[in-house]
Amino acid sequence: MNGKQKQALWNVPNVLTMVRMALIPVYWVLILNGMPMKALAVYVVASMTDVVDGYIARKYNLITDFGKLMDPMADKLMVISVMLSMVITDVIPLAPFVVLAAKEFLMMVGAACMLGKGQVVFAKWSGKLAQTVVVMSLVLCFFSDYFARIGFPLHLYLIWLGVGLALYALVYYVHMSVKILRDSAKKTA
């Protein structure tokens, strides 16, 4: 790695992405030690770093291949971690976790394959909306006792809405990736 590549790796957005990755085990330590509100705070901070790093990367043109691959991976790993903890604690059923985890795995593999072909599929409104709904629903999961008391499981409705939006985003990204690869093949032919 030359000096310019090394400098590009160590920019603010990439450091925030690495911080988000480092917060995943912190989240698990807190949730497994019966500190759900502290775990929630870690999750909220991690979610905020996602918003901030994307803004900084675009505004100051600090977009790197590392960030293109690792930023969405950090987001997906954090969301999957929080969802898994909600399954383990019986706050949400296993089904939405399995569907979303499978979708996220497919997205990560697809993104890596596209990047390997020199193509990047950037986040679009459908993926951002799905991520926002899932993040909001997971935050509400920390207050599931309240929703159980009032008899309206808003967190569960939002989880399923987020899963549905995520599946829509998956179909959209697959369609877009196929189109990008076809267009690229036509240019090289």
N, C-alpha and C. Protein backbone atom coordinates (compact mmCIF):
# COMPACT_ATOMS: atom_id res chain seq x y z
N MET A 1 0.86 -1.17 0.00
CA MET A 1 0.00 0.00 0.00
C MET A 1 0.90 1.23 0.00
N ASN A 2 0.73 2.11 -1.00
CA ASN A 2 1.57 3.30 -1.04
C ASN A 2 1.04 4.36 -0.09
N GLY A 3 1.78 5.46 0.05
CA GLY A 3 1.43 6.51 1.01
C GLY A 3 0.09 7.13 0.75
N LYS A 4 -0.23 7.37 -0.55
CA LYS A 4 -1.51 7.99 -0.89
C LYS A 4 -2.68 7.07 -0.53
N GLN A 5 -2.55 5.75 -0.81
CA GLN A 5 -3.61 4.81 -0.47
C GLN A 5 -3.77 4.72 1.04
N LYS A 6 -2.63 4.72 1.77
CA LYS A 6 -2.70 4.63 3.23
C LYS A 6 -3.39 5.87 3.80
N GLN A 7 -3.04 7.04 3.27
CA GLN A 7 -3.67 8.28 3.72
C GLN A 7 -5.18 8.23 3.45
N ALA A 8 -5.55 7.74 2.26
CA ALA A 8 -6.96 7.67 1.90
C ALA A 8 -7.72 6.74 2.84
N LEU A 9 -7.07 5.66 3.27
CA LEU A 9 -7.72 4.72 4.18
C LEU A 9 -8.01 5.39 5.52
N TRP A 10 -7.08 6.20 6.01
CA TRP A 10 -7.22 6.81 7.33
C TRP A 10 -7.88 8.18 7.23
N ASN A 11 -9.08 8.22 6.68
CA ASN A 11 -9.84 9.46 6.69
C ASN A 11 -10.97 9.33 7.71
N VAL A 12 -11.62 10.43 8.00
CA VAL A 12 -12.65 10.45 9.06
C VAL A 12 -13.78 9.45 8.79
N PRO A 13 -14.34 9.40 7.58
CA PRO A 13 -15.42 8.43 7.36
C PRO A 13 -14.99 6.98 7.61
N ASN A 14 -13.80 6.62 7.16
CA ASN A 14 -13.33 5.25 7.36
C ASN A 14 -13.06 4.95 8.83
N VAL A 15 -12.53 5.93 9.55
CA VAL A 15 -12.30 5.73 10.98
C VAL A 15 -13.65 5.55 11.69
N LEU A 16 -14.66 6.33 11.31
CA LEU A 16 -15.99 6.17 11.91
C LEU A 16 -16.56 4.79 11.60
N THR A 17 -16.31 4.29 10.40
CA THR A 17 -16.75 2.94 10.05
C THR A 17 -16.07 1.92 10.95
N MET A 18 -14.76 2.08 11.18
CA MET A 18 -14.03 1.15 12.05
C MET A 18 -14.51 1.25 13.50
N VAL A 19 -14.86 2.47 13.93
CA VAL A 19 -15.42 2.64 15.28
C VAL A 19 -16.74 1.89 15.38
N ARG A 20 -17.55 1.98 14.34
CA ARG A 20 -18.84 1.28 14.35
C ARG A 20 -18.63 -0.23 14.46
N MET A 21 -17.64 -0.74 13.74
CA MET A 21 -17.32 -2.18 13.85
C MET A 21 -16.88 -2.52 15.28
N ALA A 22 -16.07 -1.64 15.87
CA ALA A 22 -15.57 -1.89 17.23
C ALA A 22 -16.69 -1.81 18.27
N LEU A 23 -17.76 -1.10 17.96
CA LEU A 23 -18.88 -0.98 18.91
C LEU A 23 -19.73 -2.25 18.97
N ILE A 24 -19.62 -3.13 18.00
CA ILE A 24 -20.43 -4.35 17.99
C ILE A 24 -20.13 -5.21 19.22
N PRO A 25 -18.86 -5.53 19.52
CA PRO A 25 -18.62 -6.31 20.74
C PRO A 25 -18.98 -5.55 22.02
N VAL A 26 -18.85 -4.23 22.00
CA VAL A 26 -19.26 -3.43 23.17
C VAL A 26 -20.76 -3.60 23.40
N TYR A 27 -21.53 -3.53 22.31
CA TYR A 27 -22.97 -3.75 22.40
C TYR A 27 -23.27 -5.10 23.05
N TRP A 28 -22.59 -6.16 22.56
CA TRP A 28 -22.85 -7.50 23.08
C TRP A 28 -22.50 -7.63 24.55
N VAL A 29 -21.41 -7.05 24.97
CA VAL A 29 -21.02 -7.10 26.39
C VAL A 29 -22.12 -6.46 27.23
N LEU A 30 -22.61 -5.32 26.80
CA LEU A 30 -23.65 -4.62 27.56
C LEU A 30 -24.96 -5.38 27.58
N ILE A 31 -25.40 -5.87 26.44
CA ILE A 31 -26.70 -6.56 26.38
C ILE A 31 -26.65 -7.86 27.16
N LEU A 32 -25.52 -8.58 27.06
CA LEU A 32 -25.41 -9.86 27.77
C LEU A 32 -25.22 -9.70 29.28
N ASN A 33 -24.84 -8.51 29.70
CA ASN A 33 -24.67 -8.24 31.12
C ASN A 33 -25.84 -7.46 31.71
N GLY A 34 -26.98 -7.53 31.02
CA GLY A 34 -28.21 -6.95 31.56
C GLY A 34 -28.24 -5.44 31.61
N MET A 35 -27.60 -4.79 30.64
CA MET A 35 -27.59 -3.32 30.57
C MET A 35 -28.20 -2.87 29.25
N PRO A 36 -29.49 -3.14 29.06
CA PRO A 36 -30.09 -2.85 27.76
C PRO A 36 -30.10 -1.36 27.38
N MET A 37 -30.26 -0.46 28.33
CA MET A 37 -30.29 0.96 27.97
C MET A 37 -28.90 1.45 27.56
N LYS A 38 -27.86 0.92 28.17
CA LYS A 38 -26.50 1.27 27.74
C LYS A 38 -26.22 0.65 26.37
N ALA A 39 -26.72 -0.57 26.14
CA ALA A 39 -26.57 -1.20 24.83
C ALA A 39 -27.31 -0.38 23.78
N LEU A 40 -28.50 0.11 24.13
CA LEU A 40 -29.26 0.96 23.22
C LEU A 40 -28.46 2.22 22.89
N ALA A 41 -27.84 2.82 23.89
CA ALA A 41 -27.03 4.03 23.64
C ALA A 41 -25.90 3.73 22.66
N VAL A 42 -25.26 2.57 22.82
CA VAL A 42 -24.18 2.18 21.89
C VAL A 42 -24.75 2.01 20.49
N TYR A 43 -25.90 1.39 20.39
CA TYR A 43 -26.53 1.19 19.08
C TYR A 43 -26.88 2.53 18.43
N VAL A 44 -27.42 3.44 19.20
CA VAL A 44 -27.78 4.76 18.66
C VAL A 44 -26.52 5.50 18.20
N VAL A 45 -25.46 5.46 19.01
CA VAL A 45 -24.20 6.10 18.62
C VAL A 45 -23.67 5.48 17.33
N ALA A 46 -23.70 4.16 17.25
CA ALA A 46 -23.24 3.48 16.04
C ALA A 46 -24.08 3.90 14.83
N SER A 47 -25.38 3.99 15.01
CA SER A 47 -26.26 4.41 13.91
C SER A 47 -25.97 5.84 13.49
N MET A 48 -25.65 6.69 14.45
CA MET A 48 -25.33 8.09 14.14
C MET A 48 -24.00 8.19 13.38
N THR A 49 -23.03 7.34 13.73
CA THR A 49 -21.76 7.38 12.99
C THR A 49 -21.99 7.00 11.53
N ASP A 50 -22.97 6.17 11.27
CA ASP A 50 -23.29 5.79 9.89
C ASP A 50 -23.77 7.02 9.12
N VAL A 51 -24.64 7.80 9.73
CA VAL A 51 -25.16 9.00 9.08
C VAL A 51 -24.02 10.00 8.85
N VAL A 52 -23.20 10.20 9.89
CA VAL A 52 -22.13 11.19 9.83
C VAL A 52 -21.06 10.79 8.83
N ASP A 53 -20.64 9.52 8.84
CA ASP A 53 -19.55 9.15 7.93
C ASP A 53 -19.96 9.27 6.47
N GLY A 54 -21.21 8.91 6.18
CA GLY A 54 -21.68 9.06 4.80
C GLY A 54 -21.73 10.51 4.36
N TYR A 55 -22.20 11.36 5.24
CA TYR A 55 -22.27 12.80 4.93
C TYR A 55 -20.88 13.36 4.68
N ILE A 56 -19.94 13.06 5.57
CA ILE A 56 -18.57 13.58 5.44
C ILE A 56 -17.92 13.04 4.17
N ALA A 57 -18.10 11.75 3.91
CA ALA A 57 -17.47 11.15 2.73
C ALA A 57 -17.95 11.81 1.45
N ARG A 58 -19.25 12.06 1.36
CA ARG A 58 -19.78 12.69 0.14
C ARG A 58 -19.41 14.17 0.06
N LYS A 59 -19.55 14.88 1.16
CA LYS A 59 -19.31 16.33 1.15
C LYS A 59 -17.86 16.66 0.84
N TYR A 60 -16.93 15.91 1.41
CA TYR A 60 -15.50 16.22 1.25
C TYR A 60 -14.79 15.28 0.27
N ASN A 61 -15.57 14.55 -0.50
CA ASN A 61 -15.03 13.64 -1.51
C ASN A 61 -13.98 12.70 -0.90
N LEU A 62 -14.35 12.05 0.19
CA LEU A 62 -13.46 11.12 0.88
C LEU A 62 -13.93 9.68 0.69
N ILE A 63 -14.54 9.42 -0.44
CA ILE A 63 -15.06 8.08 -0.74
C ILE A 63 -13.90 7.20 -1.18
N THR A 64 -13.76 6.05 -0.51
CA THR A 64 -12.69 5.10 -0.84
C THR A 64 -13.29 3.73 -1.10
N ASP A 65 -12.51 2.87 -1.76
CA ASP A 65 -12.97 1.49 -1.97
C ASP A 65 -13.20 0.80 -0.63
N PHE A 66 -12.32 1.07 0.35
CA PHE A 66 -12.49 0.50 1.69
C PHE A 66 -13.85 0.91 2.26
N GLY A 67 -14.17 2.19 2.17
CA GLY A 67 -15.44 2.70 2.69
C GLY A 67 -16.64 2.14 1.95
N LYS A 68 -16.51 1.99 0.63
CA LYS A 68 -17.61 1.45 -0.17
C LYS A 68 -17.98 0.04 0.27
N LEU A 69 -16.97 -0.72 0.67
CA LEU A 69 -17.22 -2.11 1.07
C LEU A 69 -17.49 -2.23 2.57
N MET A 70 -16.67 -1.56 3.39
CA MET A 70 -16.76 -1.75 4.84
C MET A 70 -17.90 -0.98 5.51
N ASP A 71 -18.26 0.18 4.97
CA ASP A 71 -19.34 0.96 5.59
C ASP A 71 -20.65 0.18 5.60
N PRO A 72 -21.10 -0.34 4.45
CA PRO A 72 -22.33 -1.12 4.50
C PRO A 72 -22.18 -2.41 5.31
N MET A 73 -20.97 -2.99 5.28
CA MET A 73 -20.77 -4.21 6.07
C MET A 73 -20.90 -3.92 7.56
N ALA A 74 -20.32 -2.80 8.01
CA ALA A 74 -20.43 -2.41 9.42
C ALA A 74 -21.89 -2.19 9.80
N ASP A 75 -22.64 -1.53 8.92
CA ASP A 75 -24.07 -1.28 9.17
C ASP A 75 -24.82 -2.60 9.31
N LYS A 76 -24.58 -3.48 8.37
CA LYS A 76 -25.30 -4.76 8.35
C LYS A 76 -24.94 -5.60 9.57
N LEU A 77 -23.67 -5.64 9.92
CA LEU A 77 -23.26 -6.44 11.09
C LEU A 77 -23.85 -5.89 12.38
N MET A 78 -23.92 -4.57 12.50
CA MET A 78 -24.51 -3.97 13.70
C MET A 78 -26.00 -4.29 13.76
N VAL A 79 -26.70 -4.11 12.66
CA VAL A 79 -28.15 -4.39 12.64
C VAL A 79 -28.41 -5.86 12.93
N ILE A 80 -27.65 -6.74 12.31
CA ILE A 80 -27.84 -8.18 12.54
C ILE A 80 -27.55 -8.51 14.00
N SER A 81 -26.54 -7.90 14.57
CA SER A 81 -26.22 -8.14 15.99
C SER A 81 -27.37 -7.73 16.89
N VAL A 82 -27.90 -6.54 16.66
CA VAL A 82 -29.01 -6.06 17.51
C VAL A 82 -30.24 -6.94 17.29
N MET A 83 -30.52 -7.29 16.05
CA MET A 83 -31.67 -8.17 15.79
C MET A 83 -31.51 -9.52 16.48
N LEU A 84 -30.30 -10.08 16.38
CA LEU A 84 -30.05 -11.37 17.02
C LEU A 84 -30.25 -11.27 18.53
N SER A 85 -29.80 -10.18 19.12
CA SER A 85 -30.00 -10.02 20.57
C SER A 85 -31.48 -9.93 20.91
N MET A 86 -32.28 -9.35 20.01
CA MET A 86 -33.72 -9.25 20.25
C MET A 86 -34.40 -10.61 20.09
N VAL A 87 -33.87 -11.46 19.22
CA VAL A 87 -34.38 -12.82 19.08
C VAL A 87 -34.04 -13.62 20.34
N ILE A 88 -32.79 -13.51 20.78
CA ILE A 88 -32.33 -14.25 21.96
C ILE A 88 -33.14 -13.89 23.19
N THR A 89 -33.52 -12.61 23.31
CA THR A 89 -34.28 -12.16 24.48
C THR A 89 -35.79 -12.23 24.26
N ASP A 90 -36.22 -12.92 23.19
CA ASP A 90 -37.64 -13.13 22.88
C ASP A 90 -38.42 -11.84 22.66
N VAL A 91 -37.76 -10.81 22.18
CA VAL A 91 -38.46 -9.56 21.88
C VAL A 91 -39.07 -9.63 20.49
N ILE A 92 -38.37 -10.29 19.56
CA ILE A 92 -38.91 -10.48 18.22
C ILE A 92 -38.79 -11.96 17.86
N PRO A 93 -39.62 -12.42 16.94
CA PRO A 93 -39.53 -13.83 16.52
C PRO A 93 -38.30 -14.06 15.64
N LEU A 94 -37.97 -15.31 15.44
CA LEU A 94 -36.80 -15.68 14.65
C LEU A 94 -36.97 -15.36 13.16
N ALA A 95 -38.18 -15.48 12.63
CA ALA A 95 -38.41 -15.35 11.19
C ALA A 95 -37.89 -14.04 10.58
N PRO A 96 -38.21 -12.86 11.14
CA PRO A 96 -37.69 -11.65 10.50
C PRO A 96 -36.16 -11.58 10.54
N PHE A 97 -35.58 -12.12 11.61
CA PHE A 97 -34.12 -12.16 11.70
C PHE A 97 -33.52 -13.01 10.58
N VAL A 98 -34.09 -14.20 10.37
CA VAL A 98 -33.56 -15.11 9.35
C VAL A 98 -33.68 -14.47 7.96
N VAL A 99 -34.83 -13.88 7.67
CA VAL A 99 -35.04 -13.26 6.36
C VAL A 99 -34.06 -12.11 6.16
N LEU A 100 -33.94 -11.23 7.16
CA LEU A 100 -33.06 -10.08 7.01
C LEU A 100 -31.59 -10.50 6.97
N ALA A 101 -31.21 -11.47 7.79
CA ALA A 101 -29.82 -11.94 7.78
C ALA A 101 -29.46 -12.55 6.43
N ALA A 102 -30.36 -13.33 5.85
CA ALA A 102 -30.11 -13.93 4.53
C ALA A 102 -30.00 -12.83 3.47
N LYS A 103 -30.88 -11.86 3.55
CA LYS A 103 -30.85 -10.75 2.60
C LYS A 103 -29.55 -9.98 2.72
N GLU A 104 -29.12 -9.69 3.95
CA GLU A 104 -27.89 -8.93 4.16
C GLU A 104 -26.67 -9.72 3.68
N PHE A 105 -26.68 -11.02 3.91
CA PHE A 105 -25.57 -11.86 3.43
C PHE A 105 -25.48 -11.78 1.91
N LEU A 106 -26.63 -11.92 1.24
CA LEU A 106 -26.65 -11.83 -0.22
C LEU A 106 -26.17 -10.46 -0.71
N MET A 107 -26.56 -9.41 0.01
CA MET A 107 -26.13 -8.06 -0.37
C MET A 107 -24.62 -7.90 -0.22
N MET A 108 -24.06 -8.43 0.86
CA MET A 108 -22.61 -8.31 1.08
C MET A 108 -21.84 -9.09 0.01
N VAL A 109 -22.29 -10.29 -0.28
CA VAL A 109 -21.63 -11.10 -1.31
C VAL A 109 -21.75 -10.40 -2.67
N GLY A 110 -22.93 -9.91 -2.98
CA GLY A 110 -23.13 -9.21 -4.23
C GLY A 110 -22.28 -7.96 -4.36
N ALA A 111 -22.21 -7.18 -3.28
CA ALA A 111 -21.39 -5.96 -3.29
C ALA A 111 -19.92 -6.30 -3.50
N ALA A 112 -19.45 -7.34 -2.83
CA ALA A 112 -18.05 -7.75 -2.98
C ALA A 112 -17.78 -8.22 -4.41
N CYS A 113 -18.70 -8.96 -5.00
CA CYS A 113 -18.54 -9.43 -6.39
C CYS A 113 -18.53 -8.25 -7.35
N MET A 114 -19.44 -7.31 -7.15
CA MET A 114 -19.49 -6.14 -8.02
C MET A 114 -18.22 -5.31 -7.89
N LEU A 115 -17.75 -5.13 -6.66
CA LEU A 115 -16.52 -4.37 -6.44
C LEU A 115 -15.34 -5.08 -7.10
N GLY A 116 -15.35 -6.41 -7.05
CA GLY A 116 -14.30 -7.19 -7.72
C GLY A 116 -14.31 -7.00 -9.22
N LYS A 117 -15.44 -6.65 -9.77
CA LYS A 117 -15.55 -6.40 -11.22
C LYS A 117 -15.38 -4.91 -11.53
N GLY A 118 -14.96 -4.16 -10.49
CA GLY A 118 -14.74 -2.73 -10.69
C GLY A 118 -16.02 -1.91 -10.71
N GLN A 119 -17.10 -2.48 -10.24
CA GLN A 119 -18.39 -1.80 -10.24
C GLN A 119 -18.86 -1.60 -8.80
N VAL A 120 -19.47 -0.47 -8.56
CA VAL A 120 -20.01 -0.19 -7.24
C VAL A 120 -21.47 0.17 -7.40
N VAL A 121 -22.31 -0.48 -6.61
CA VAL A 121 -23.73 -0.16 -6.59
C VAL A 121 -23.96 0.64 -5.31
N PHE A 122 -24.20 1.91 -5.49
CA PHE A 122 -24.39 2.80 -4.35
C PHE A 122 -25.77 2.61 -3.74
N ALA A 123 -25.87 2.96 -2.47
CA ALA A 123 -27.15 2.88 -1.77
C ALA A 123 -28.15 3.79 -2.46
N LYS A 124 -29.34 3.29 -2.61
CA LYS A 124 -30.43 4.05 -3.22
C LYS A 124 -31.51 4.28 -2.18
N TRP A 125 -32.52 5.04 -2.56
CA TRP A 125 -33.57 5.41 -1.60
C TRP A 125 -34.23 4.19 -0.98
N SER A 126 -34.42 3.12 -1.75
CA SER A 126 -35.12 1.94 -1.21
C SER A 126 -34.31 1.29 -0.09
N GLY A 127 -33.00 1.19 -0.29
CA GLY A 127 -32.15 0.61 0.74
C GLY A 127 -32.04 1.50 1.96
N LYS A 128 -31.96 2.81 1.72
CA LYS A 128 -31.87 3.75 2.84
C LYS A 128 -33.17 3.76 3.66
N LEU A 129 -34.29 3.71 2.96
CA LEU A 129 -35.58 3.67 3.66
C LEU A 129 -35.71 2.39 4.48
N ALA A 130 -35.35 1.26 3.88
CA ALA A 130 -35.42 -0.02 4.60
C ALA A 130 -34.52 0.02 5.83
N GLN A 131 -33.30 0.53 5.67
CA GLN A 131 -32.36 0.61 6.80
C GLN A 131 -32.92 1.51 7.90
N THR A 132 -33.51 2.63 7.52
CA THR A 132 -34.07 3.57 8.50
C THR A 132 -35.21 2.91 9.28
N VAL A 133 -36.10 2.22 8.58
CA VAL A 133 -37.23 1.56 9.25
C VAL A 133 -36.73 0.46 10.18
N VAL A 134 -35.76 -0.34 9.72
CA VAL A 134 -35.23 -1.41 10.57
C VAL A 134 -34.55 -0.83 11.80
N VAL A 135 -33.75 0.21 11.62
CA VAL A 135 -33.07 0.84 12.76
C VAL A 135 -34.10 1.38 13.75
N MET A 136 -35.11 2.07 13.25
CA MET A 136 -36.16 2.60 14.14
C MET A 136 -36.87 1.48 14.87
N SER A 137 -37.18 0.40 14.17
CA SER A 137 -37.90 -0.71 14.81
C SER A 137 -37.03 -1.36 15.88
N LEU A 138 -35.72 -1.46 15.63
CA LEU A 138 -34.84 -2.05 16.64
C LEU A 138 -34.71 -1.16 17.86
N VAL A 139 -34.70 0.15 17.66
CA VAL A 139 -34.70 1.05 18.81
C VAL A 139 -35.97 0.83 19.62
N LEU A 140 -37.11 0.71 18.94
CA LEU A 140 -38.39 0.49 19.64
C LEU A 140 -38.42 -0.85 20.36
N CYS A 141 -37.64 -1.82 19.87
CA CYS A 141 -37.59 -3.13 20.53
C CYS A 141 -37.13 -3.02 21.98
N PHE A 142 -36.32 -2.03 22.27
CA PHE A 142 -35.84 -1.84 23.64
C PHE A 142 -36.98 -1.41 24.57
N PHE A 143 -38.10 -1.02 23.98
CA PHE A 143 -39.26 -0.60 24.76
C PHE A 143 -40.44 -1.56 24.54
N SER A 144 -40.14 -2.80 24.22
CA SER A 144 -41.17 -3.79 23.90
C SER A 144 -42.11 -4.04 25.08
N ASP A 145 -41.62 -3.93 26.30
CA ASP A 145 -42.50 -4.11 27.46
C ASP A 145 -43.63 -3.10 27.46
N TYR A 146 -43.31 -1.88 27.09
CA TYR A 146 -44.33 -0.83 27.01
C TYR A 146 -45.37 -1.20 25.95
N PHE A 147 -44.91 -1.63 24.78
CA PHE A 147 -45.85 -1.97 23.71
C PHE A 147 -46.69 -3.19 24.08
N ALA A 148 -46.12 -4.11 24.85
CA ALA A 148 -46.89 -5.26 25.33
C ALA A 148 -47.99 -4.80 26.29
N ARG A 149 -47.66 -3.85 27.16
CA ARG A 149 -48.65 -3.34 28.14
C ARG A 149 -49.82 -2.65 27.45
N ILE A 150 -49.54 -1.91 26.38
CA ILE A 150 -50.64 -1.20 25.71
C ILE A 150 -51.32 -2.06 24.64
N GLY A 151 -50.78 -3.26 24.40
CA GLY A 151 -51.40 -4.18 23.45
C GLY A 151 -51.23 -3.80 22.00
N PHE A 152 -50.18 -3.05 21.70
CA PHE A 152 -49.92 -2.63 20.32
C PHE A 152 -48.42 -2.79 20.03
N PRO A 153 -48.03 -3.94 19.45
CA PRO A 153 -46.60 -4.22 19.24
C PRO A 153 -46.01 -3.46 18.04
N LEU A 154 -45.91 -2.15 18.18
CA LEU A 154 -45.42 -1.30 17.11
C LEU A 154 -44.05 -1.76 16.60
N HIS A 155 -43.19 -2.17 17.52
CA HIS A 155 -41.85 -2.62 17.13
C HIS A 155 -41.91 -3.81 16.17
N LEU A 156 -42.87 -4.72 16.39
CA LEU A 156 -43.00 -5.89 15.51
C LEU A 156 -43.56 -5.50 14.13
N TYR A 157 -44.54 -4.59 14.13
CA TYR A 157 -45.07 -4.12 12.85
C TYR A 157 -43.97 -3.45 12.02
N LEU A 158 -43.16 -2.64 12.70
CA LEU A 158 -42.09 -1.95 11.98
C LEU A 158 -40.99 -2.91 11.54
N ILE A 159 -40.70 -3.93 12.36
CA ILE A 159 -39.69 -4.93 11.94
C ILE A 159 -40.14 -5.57 10.63
N TRP A 160 -41.40 -6.00 10.58
CA TRP A 160 -41.88 -6.66 9.36
C TRP A 160 -41.93 -5.70 8.18
N LEU A 161 -42.30 -4.44 8.43
CA LEU A 161 -42.27 -3.44 7.37
C LEU A 161 -40.84 -3.26 6.87
N GLY A 162 -39.89 -3.18 7.79
CA GLY A 162 -38.48 -3.04 7.41
C GLY A 162 -37.98 -4.23 6.62
N VAL A 163 -38.39 -5.43 7.01
CA VAL A 163 -37.99 -6.64 6.27
C VAL A 163 -38.58 -6.61 4.86
N GLY A 164 -39.84 -6.22 4.75
CA GLY A 164 -40.45 -6.12 3.42
C GLY A 164 -39.74 -5.09 2.54
N LEU A 165 -39.43 -3.94 3.12
CA LEU A 165 -38.70 -2.92 2.36
C LEU A 165 -37.30 -3.40 1.99
N ALA A 166 -36.67 -4.15 2.89
CA ALA A 166 -35.33 -4.69 2.61
C ALA A 166 -35.38 -5.68 1.46
N LEU A 167 -36.41 -6.50 1.41
CA LEU A 167 -36.54 -7.45 0.30
C LEU A 167 -36.79 -6.71 -1.01
N TYR A 168 -37.60 -5.66 -0.96
CA TYR A 168 -37.80 -4.83 -2.15
C TYR A 168 -36.46 -4.25 -2.60
N ALA A 169 -35.67 -3.73 -1.65
CA ALA A 169 -34.36 -3.17 -1.98
C ALA A 169 -33.45 -4.22 -2.59
N LEU A 170 -33.50 -5.45 -2.08
CA LEU A 170 -32.67 -6.54 -2.63
C LEU A 170 -33.02 -6.76 -4.10
N VAL A 171 -34.30 -6.85 -4.41
CA VAL A 171 -34.73 -7.05 -5.79
C VAL A 171 -34.25 -5.88 -6.66
N TYR A 172 -34.38 -4.68 -6.14
CA TYR A 172 -33.94 -3.48 -6.86
C TYR A 172 -32.44 -3.53 -7.14
N TYR A 173 -31.64 -3.86 -6.11
CA TYR A 173 -30.19 -3.90 -6.27
C TYR A 173 -29.75 -5.01 -7.22
N VAL A 174 -30.41 -6.15 -7.17
CA VAL A 174 -30.08 -7.23 -8.10
C VAL A 174 -30.37 -6.77 -9.53
N HIS A 175 -31.53 -6.18 -9.73
CA HIS A 175 -31.89 -5.68 -11.06
C HIS A 175 -30.87 -4.64 -11.54
N MET A 176 -30.52 -3.70 -10.66
CA MET A 176 -29.57 -2.65 -11.02
C MET A 176 -28.18 -3.24 -11.31
N SER A 177 -27.75 -4.22 -10.52
CA SER A 177 -26.44 -4.84 -10.72
C SER A 177 -26.37 -5.57 -12.05
N VAL A 178 -27.42 -6.29 -12.39
CA VAL A 178 -27.47 -6.99 -13.67
C VAL A 178 -27.38 -5.98 -14.81
N LYS A 179 -28.10 -4.88 -14.69
CA LYS A 179 -28.07 -3.84 -15.73
C LYS A 179 -26.67 -3.24 -15.84
N ILE A 180 -26.02 -2.96 -14.72
CA ILE A 180 -24.66 -2.40 -14.74
C ILE A 180 -23.70 -3.37 -15.42
N LEU A 181 -23.80 -4.65 -15.07
CA LEU A 181 -22.90 -5.65 -15.67
C LEU A 181 -23.16 -5.80 -17.17
N ARG A 182 -24.41 -5.77 -17.58
CA ARG A 182 -24.74 -5.86 -19.01
C ARG A 182 -24.20 -4.66 -19.77
N ASP A 183 -24.40 -3.46 -19.20
CA ASP A 183 -23.90 -2.25 -19.84
C ASP A 183 -22.38 -2.27 -19.93
N SER A 184 -21.73 -2.77 -18.89
CA SER A 184 -20.27 -2.85 -18.88
C SER A 184 -19.78 -3.85 -19.92
N ALA A 185 -20.48 -4.98 -20.05
CA ALA A 185 -20.11 -5.99 -21.04
C ALA A 185 -20.27 -5.45 -22.45
N LYS A 186 -21.32 -4.64 -22.69
CA LYS A 186 -21.54 -4.06 -24.02
C LYS A 186 -20.41 -3.08 -24.37
N LYS A 187 -19.92 -2.34 -23.39
CA LYS A 187 -18.86 -1.36 -23.63
C LYS A 187 -17.54 -2.02 -23.95
N THR A 188 -17.29 -3.20 -23.35
CA THR A 188 -16.03 -3.90 -23.58
C THR A 188 -16.08 -4.80 -24.81
N ALA A 189 -17.30 -5.03 -25.32
CA ALA A 189 -17.45 -5.92 -26.50
C ALA A 189 -17.13 -5.19 -27.78
